[in-house]
Amino acid sequence: MTAAEIRAYIDPMRPEFAEERSLILPALKYAQTEKGHLTLADLEAVAEATGLSTAYVESVASFYDRLYLEPTGRRVLSICVTLTCMLRGSDELMAHICEREGLGPHGGTSSDGAVTVQEAQCLGYCDRAPCLQVDAEVTQGPLSLDDADRLLEELRAAPAPERFWR
């Protein structure tokens, strides 16, 4: 993604932000939509578009867990692992999904690049635990292991999103 594309996206937002540097998050989120993760070229384009240093942009990108500096799968599953979900079976859900996708116990990206599984802190679905979120959009719960299997099959069968808004 180019600095000009990022600038065209964030320029209409400028009046909404009290400080120019606050535009960095929407700029990073937008830059990530192209590939699902941020490359050094993307970070440099965001720096140019926002007038901030590449080092500062990278420090912000590396802080937020929904900004990815490494390639991700076509779909990202964030499984809540906080207390309420854990007490209702999120550990088993995480282990089941990771085993099914051939991943280590804390997630990762499947070998075919279809799915990235990661732990997440509270998704706000405590009354519907255990839960997970798909691509930082749709939160589902409570999920049984069979529900998780069906969801994975649906996600694998679905086409990749045009843009990766995560």
C-alpha atoms as a PDB file:
ATOM      1  CA  MET A   1       0.000   0.000   0.000  1.00  0.00           C
ATOM      2  CA  THR A   2       1.284   3.459  -0.822  1.00  0.00           C
ATOM      3  CA  ALA A   3       1.478   6.577   1.306  1.00  0.00           C
ATOM      4  CA  ALA A   4      -0.879   8.292  -1.152  1.00  0.00           C
ATOM      5  CA  GLU A   5      -3.541   5.587  -0.651  1.00  0.00           C
ATOM      6  CA  ILE A   6      -3.207   5.828   3.117  1.00  0.00           C
ATOM      7  CA  ARG A   7      -3.323   9.626   3.012  1.00  0.00           C
ATOM      8  CA  ALA A   8      -6.500   9.483   0.870  1.00  0.00           C
ATOM      9  CA  TYR A   9      -8.066   7.224   3.504  1.00  0.00           C
ATOM     10  CA  ILE A  10      -7.089   9.254   6.589  1.00  0.00           C
ATOM     11  CA  ASP A  11      -7.398  12.814   5.249  1.00  0.00           C
ATOM     12  CA  PRO A  12     -11.204  12.947   5.634  1.00  0.00           C
ATOM     13  CA  MET A  13     -10.758  11.863   9.284  1.00  0.00           C
ATOM     14  CA  ARG A  14      -8.281  14.578  10.267  1.00  0.00           C
ATOM     15  CA  PRO A  15     -10.912  16.958  11.742  1.00  0.00           C
ATOM     16  CA  GLU A  16     -12.127  14.143  14.031  1.00  0.00           C
ATOM     17  CA  PHE A  17      -8.783  13.811  15.800  1.00  0.00           C
ATOM     18  CA  ALA A  18      -7.403  16.362  18.237  1.00  0.00           C
ATOM     19  CA  GLU A  19      -3.810  15.270  17.601  1.00  0.00           C
ATOM     20  CA  GLU A  20      -2.317  14.353  14.244  1.00  0.00           C
ATOM     21  CA  ARG A  21      -0.491  11.358  15.702  1.00  0.00           C
ATOM     22  CA  SER A  22      -3.863   9.830  16.623  1.00  0.00           C
ATOM     23  CA  LEU A  23      -4.325   9.088  12.927  1.00  0.00           C
ATOM     24  CA  ILE A  24      -1.699   6.380  13.184  1.00  0.00           C
ATOM     25  CA  LEU A  25      -4.152   3.658  14.263  1.00  0.00           C
ATOM     26  CA  PRO A  26      -6.655   4.128  11.439  1.00  0.00           C
ATOM     27  CA  ALA A  27      -3.728   4.403   9.020  1.00  0.00           C
ATOM     28  CA  LEU A  28      -2.190   1.143  10.267  1.00  0.00           C
ATOM     29  CA  LYS A  29      -5.539  -0.674  10.245  1.00  0.00           C
ATOM     30  CA  TYR A  30      -6.133   0.479   6.683  1.00  0.00           C
ATOM     31  CA  ALA A  31      -2.635  -0.490   5.519  1.00  0.00           C
ATOM     32  CA  GLN A  32      -3.182  -3.960   6.985  1.00  0.00           C
ATOM     33  CA  THR A  33      -6.363  -4.529   4.954  1.00  0.00           C
ATOM     34  CA  GLU A  34      -4.421  -5.287   1.785  1.00  0.00           C
ATOM     35  CA  LYS A  35      -2.470  -8.373   2.914  1.00  0.00           C
ATOM     36  CA  GLY A  36      -3.754  -9.070   6.409  1.00  0.00           C
ATOM     37  CA  HIS A  37      -0.456  -8.004   7.969  1.00  0.00           C
ATOM     38  CA  LEU A  38       1.956  -5.085   7.858  1.00  0.00           C
ATOM     39  CA  THR A  39       5.261  -5.178   6.009  1.00  0.00           C
ATOM     40  CA  LEU A  40       8.158  -2.778   6.473  1.00  0.00           C
ATOM     41  CA  ALA A  41       7.015  -1.033   3.273  1.00  0.00           C
ATOM     42  CA  ASP A  42       3.549  -0.578   4.826  1.00  0.00           C
ATOM     43  CA  LEU A  43       5.072   0.880   8.000  1.00  0.00           C
ATOM     44  CA  GLU A  44       7.152   3.265   5.917  1.00  0.00           C
ATOM     45  CA  ALA A  45       4.069   4.297   3.905  1.00  0.00           C
ATOM     46  CA  VAL A  46       2.132   4.976   7.120  1.00  0.00           C
ATOM     47  CA  ALA A  47       5.079   7.007   8.432  1.00  0.00           C
ATOM     48  CA  GLU A  48       5.150   9.083   5.263  1.00  0.00           C
ATOM     49  CA  ALA A  49       1.371   9.565   5.259  1.00  0.00           C
ATOM     50  CA  THR A  50       1.247  10.634   8.913  1.00  0.00           C
ATOM     51  CA  GLY A  51       4.536  12.541   9.103  1.00  0.00           C
ATOM     52  CA  LEU A  52       5.807  10.302  11.902  1.00  0.00           C
ATOM     53  CA  SER A  53       9.035   8.317  11.989  1.00  0.00           C
ATOM     54  CA  THR A  54       9.064   4.705  10.835  1.00  0.00           C
ATOM     55  CA  ALA A  55      10.444   3.721  14.250  1.00  0.00           C
ATOM     56  CA  TYR A  56       7.478   5.336  15.994  1.00  0.00           C
ATOM     57  CA  VAL A  57       5.004   3.715  13.596  1.00  0.00           C
ATOM     58  CA  GLU A  58       6.622   0.314  14.177  1.00  0.00           C
ATOM     59  CA  SER A  59       6.515   0.798  17.963  1.00  0.00           C
ATOM     60  CA  VAL A  60       2.776   1.451  17.793  1.00  0.00           C
ATOM     61  CA  ALA A  61       2.156  -1.450  15.402  1.00  0.00           C
ATOM     62  CA  SER A  62       4.086  -3.857  17.626  1.00  0.00           C
ATOM     63  CA  PHE A  63       2.114  -2.815  20.721  1.00  0.00           C
ATOM     64  CA  TYR A  64      -1.393  -3.689  19.496  1.00  0.00           C
ATOM     65  CA  ASP A  65      -2.347  -7.351  19.262  1.00  0.00           C
ATOM     66  CA  ARG A  66      -4.683  -6.810  16.297  1.00  0.00           C
ATOM     67  CA  LEU A  67      -1.945  -5.313  14.165  1.00  0.00           C
ATOM     68  CA  TYR A  68       0.113  -8.108  12.657  1.00  0.00           C
ATOM     69  CA  LEU A  69       3.775  -7.770  11.692  1.00  0.00           C
ATOM     70  CA  GLU A  70       3.934 -11.366  10.454  1.00  0.00           C
ATOM     71  CA  PRO A  71       1.719 -13.028   7.823  1.00  0.00           C
ATOM     72  CA  THR A  72      -1.588 -14.363   9.122  1.00  0.00           C
ATOM     73  CA  GLY A  73      -4.070 -16.853   7.762  1.00  0.00           C
ATOM     74  CA  ARG A  74      -6.966 -15.823   5.542  1.00  0.00           C
ATOM     75  CA  ARG A  75      -9.105 -15.863   8.690  1.00  0.00           C
ATOM     76  CA  VAL A  76      -8.031 -15.033  12.253  1.00  0.00           C
ATOM     77  CA  LEU A  77      -9.713 -16.731  15.213  1.00  0.00           C
ATOM     78  CA  SER A  78      -9.229 -15.029  18.578  1.00  0.00           C
ATOM     79  CA  ILE A  79     -10.216 -17.330  21.421  1.00  0.00           C
ATOM     80  CA  CYS A  80     -11.018 -15.712  24.756  1.00  0.00           C
ATOM     81  CA  VAL A  81      -8.847 -17.176  27.511  1.00  0.00           C
ATOM     82  CA  THR A  82      -9.845 -15.014  30.468  1.00  0.00           C
ATOM     83  CA  LEU A  83     -11.372 -16.414  33.637  1.00  0.00           C
ATOM     84  CA  THR A  84     -15.055 -16.689  32.732  1.00  0.00           C
ATOM     85  CA  CYS A  85     -14.323 -18.352  29.390  1.00  0.00           C
ATOM     86  CA  MET A  86     -11.670 -20.571  30.962  1.00  0.00           C
ATOM     87  CA  LEU A  87     -14.120 -21.765  33.616  1.00  0.00           C
ATOM     88  CA  ARG A  88     -16.615 -22.553  30.847  1.00  0.00           C
ATOM     89  CA  GLY A  89     -14.150 -24.503  28.673  1.00  0.00           C
ATOM     90  CA  SER A  90     -12.035 -22.137  26.579  1.00  0.00           C
ATOM     91  CA  ASP A  91      -8.897 -24.179  27.358  1.00  0.00           C
ATOM     92  CA  GLU A  92     -10.520 -27.245  25.805  1.00  0.00           C
ATOM     93  CA  LEU A  93     -11.809 -25.168  22.901  1.00  0.00           C
ATOM     94  CA  MET A  94      -8.341 -23.721  22.250  1.00  0.00           C
ATOM     95  CA  ALA A  95      -6.682 -27.145  22.512  1.00  0.00           C
ATOM     96  CA  HIS A  96      -9.260 -28.711  20.181  1.00  0.00           C
ATOM     97  CA  ILE A  97      -8.956 -26.034  17.488  1.00  0.00           C
ATOM     98  CA  CYS A  98      -5.159 -25.994  17.697  1.00  0.00           C
ATOM     99  CA  GLU A  99      -4.954 -29.783  17.463  1.00  0.00           C
ATOM    100  CA  ARG A 100      -7.366 -29.855  14.530  1.00  0.00           C
ATOM    101  CA  GLU A 101      -5.313 -27.202  12.693  1.00  0.00           C
ATOM    102  CA  GLY A 102      -1.960 -28.808  13.545  1.00  0.00           C
ATOM    103  CA  LEU A 103      -0.830 -25.923  15.761  1.00  0.00           C
ATOM    104  CA  GLY A 104       0.956 -25.644  19.075  1.00  0.00           C
ATOM    105  CA  PRO A 105      -1.039 -25.133  22.267  1.00  0.00           C
ATOM    106  CA  HIS A 106      -1.046 -21.325  22.007  1.00  0.00           C
ATOM    107  CA  GLY A 107      -2.062 -21.066  18.373  1.00  0.00           C
ATOM    108  CA  GLY A 108      -0.315 -19.975  15.213  1.00  0.00           C
ATOM    109  CA  THR A 109      -1.093 -20.200  11.514  1.00  0.00           C
ATOM    110  CA  SER A 110      -2.142 -23.421   9.797  1.00  0.00           C
ATOM    111  CA  SER A 111       0.310 -24.851   7.273  1.00  0.00           C
ATOM    112  CA  ASP A 112      -2.080 -24.108   4.391  1.00  0.00           C
ATOM    113  CA  GLY A 113      -2.449 -20.454   5.493  1.00  0.00           C
ATOM    114  CA  ALA A 114      -6.194 -20.758   5.937  1.00  0.00           C
ATOM    115  CA  VAL A 115      -6.481 -19.970   9.643  1.00  0.00           C
ATOM    116  CA  THR A 116      -4.546 -18.152  12.345  1.00  0.00           C
ATOM    117  CA  VAL A 117      -5.530 -19.018  15.917  1.00  0.00           C
ATOM    118  CA  GLN A 118      -4.575 -16.716  18.779  1.00  0.00           C
ATOM    119  CA  GLU A 119      -5.424 -16.197  22.420  1.00  0.00           C
ATOM    120  CA  ALA A 120      -7.424 -13.086  23.257  1.00  0.00           C
ATOM    121  CA  GLN A 121      -8.213 -11.290  26.452  1.00  0.00           C
ATOM    122  CA  CYS A 122     -11.864 -10.671  27.298  1.00  0.00           C
ATOM    123  CA  LEU A 123     -14.094 -10.321  24.245  1.00  0.00           C
ATOM    124  CA  GLY A 124     -17.040  -9.119  26.332  1.00  0.00           C
ATOM    125  CA  TYR A 125     -19.147 -12.252  25.842  1.00  0.00           C
ATOM    126  CA  CYS A 126     -18.833 -13.487  29.428  1.00  0.00           C
ATOM    127  CA  ASP A 127     -22.494 -14.492  29.508  1.00  0.00           C
ATOM    128  CA  ARG A 128     -21.916 -16.614  26.388  1.00  0.00           C
ATOM    129  CA  ALA A 129     -18.633 -18.268  27.310  1.00  0.00           C
ATOM    130  CA  PRO A 130     -16.590 -19.860  25.915  1.00  0.00           C
ATOM    131  CA  CYS A 131     -16.374 -17.593  22.905  1.00  0.00           C
ATOM    132  CA  LEU A 132     -14.193 -16.649  20.007  1.00  0.00           C
ATOM    133  CA  GLN A 133     -14.040 -13.839  17.490  1.00  0.00           C
ATOM    134  CA  VAL A 134     -13.538 -14.215  13.746  1.00  0.00           C
ATOM    135  CA  ASP A 135     -11.468 -11.509  12.051  1.00  0.00           C
ATOM    136  CA  ALA A 136     -12.110  -9.039  14.900  1.00  0.00           C
ATOM    137  CA  GLU A 137     -15.702  -8.766  13.686  1.00  0.00           C
ATOM    138  CA  VAL A 138     -18.075 -11.546  14.626  1.00  0.00           C
ATOM    139  CA  THR A 139     -18.029 -12.903  18.181  1.00  0.00           C
ATOM    140  CA  GLN A 140     -19.633 -16.278  18.740  1.00  0.00           C
ATOM    141  CA  GLY A 141     -20.442 -18.217  21.864  1.00  0.00           C
ATOM    142  CA  PRO A 142     -21.068 -20.344  23.700  1.00  0.00           C
ATOM    143  CA  LEU A 143     -19.216 -22.790  21.470  1.00  0.00           C
ATOM    144  CA  SER A 144     -19.034 -26.535  21.857  1.00  0.00           C
ATOM    145  CA  LEU A 145     -16.238 -28.491  20.205  1.00  0.00           C
ATOM    146  CA  ASP A 146     -18.720 -29.574  17.509  1.00  0.00           C
ATOM    147  CA  ASP A 147     -19.666 -25.915  16.955  1.00  0.00           C
ATOM    148  CA  ALA A 148     -15.972 -25.116  16.542  1.00  0.00           C
ATOM    149  CA  ASP A 149     -15.585 -27.913  13.970  1.00  0.00           C
ATOM    150  CA  ARG A 150     -18.541 -26.579  11.977  1.00  0.00           C
ATOM    151  CA  LEU A 151     -17.173 -23.039  12.134  1.00  0.00           C
ATOM    152  CA  LEU A 152     -13.752 -24.143  10.885  1.00  0.00           C
ATOM    153  CA  GLU A 153     -15.356 -26.022   7.996  1.00  0.00           C
ATOM    154  CA  GLU A 154     -17.430 -22.942   7.078  1.00  0.00           C
ATOM    155  CA  LEU A 155     -14.393 -20.653   7.224  1.00  0.00           C
ATOM    156  CA  ARG A 156     -12.294 -23.001   5.103  1.00  0.00           C
ATOM    157  CA  ALA A 157     -15.082 -23.281   2.505  1.00  0.00           C
ATOM    158  CA  ALA A 158     -15.687 -19.531   2.312  1.00  0.00           C
ATOM    159  CA  PRO A 159     -13.657 -17.365  -0.063  1.00  0.00           C
ATOM    160  CA  ALA A 160     -10.975 -15.134   1.409  1.00  0.00           C
ATOM    161  CA  PRO A 161     -12.236 -11.637   2.227  1.00  0.00           C
ATOM    162  CA  GLU A 162     -11.476  -8.923  -0.324  1.00  0.00           C
ATOM    163  CA  ARG A 163      -9.986  -6.747   2.417  1.00  0.00           C
ATOM    164  CA  PHE A 164      -8.655  -7.882   5.761  1.00  0.00           C
ATOM    165  CA  TRP A 165     -10.397  -5.587   8.287  1.00  0.00           C
ATOM    166  CA  ARG A 166      -9.198  -7.107  11.534  1.00  0.00           C
END
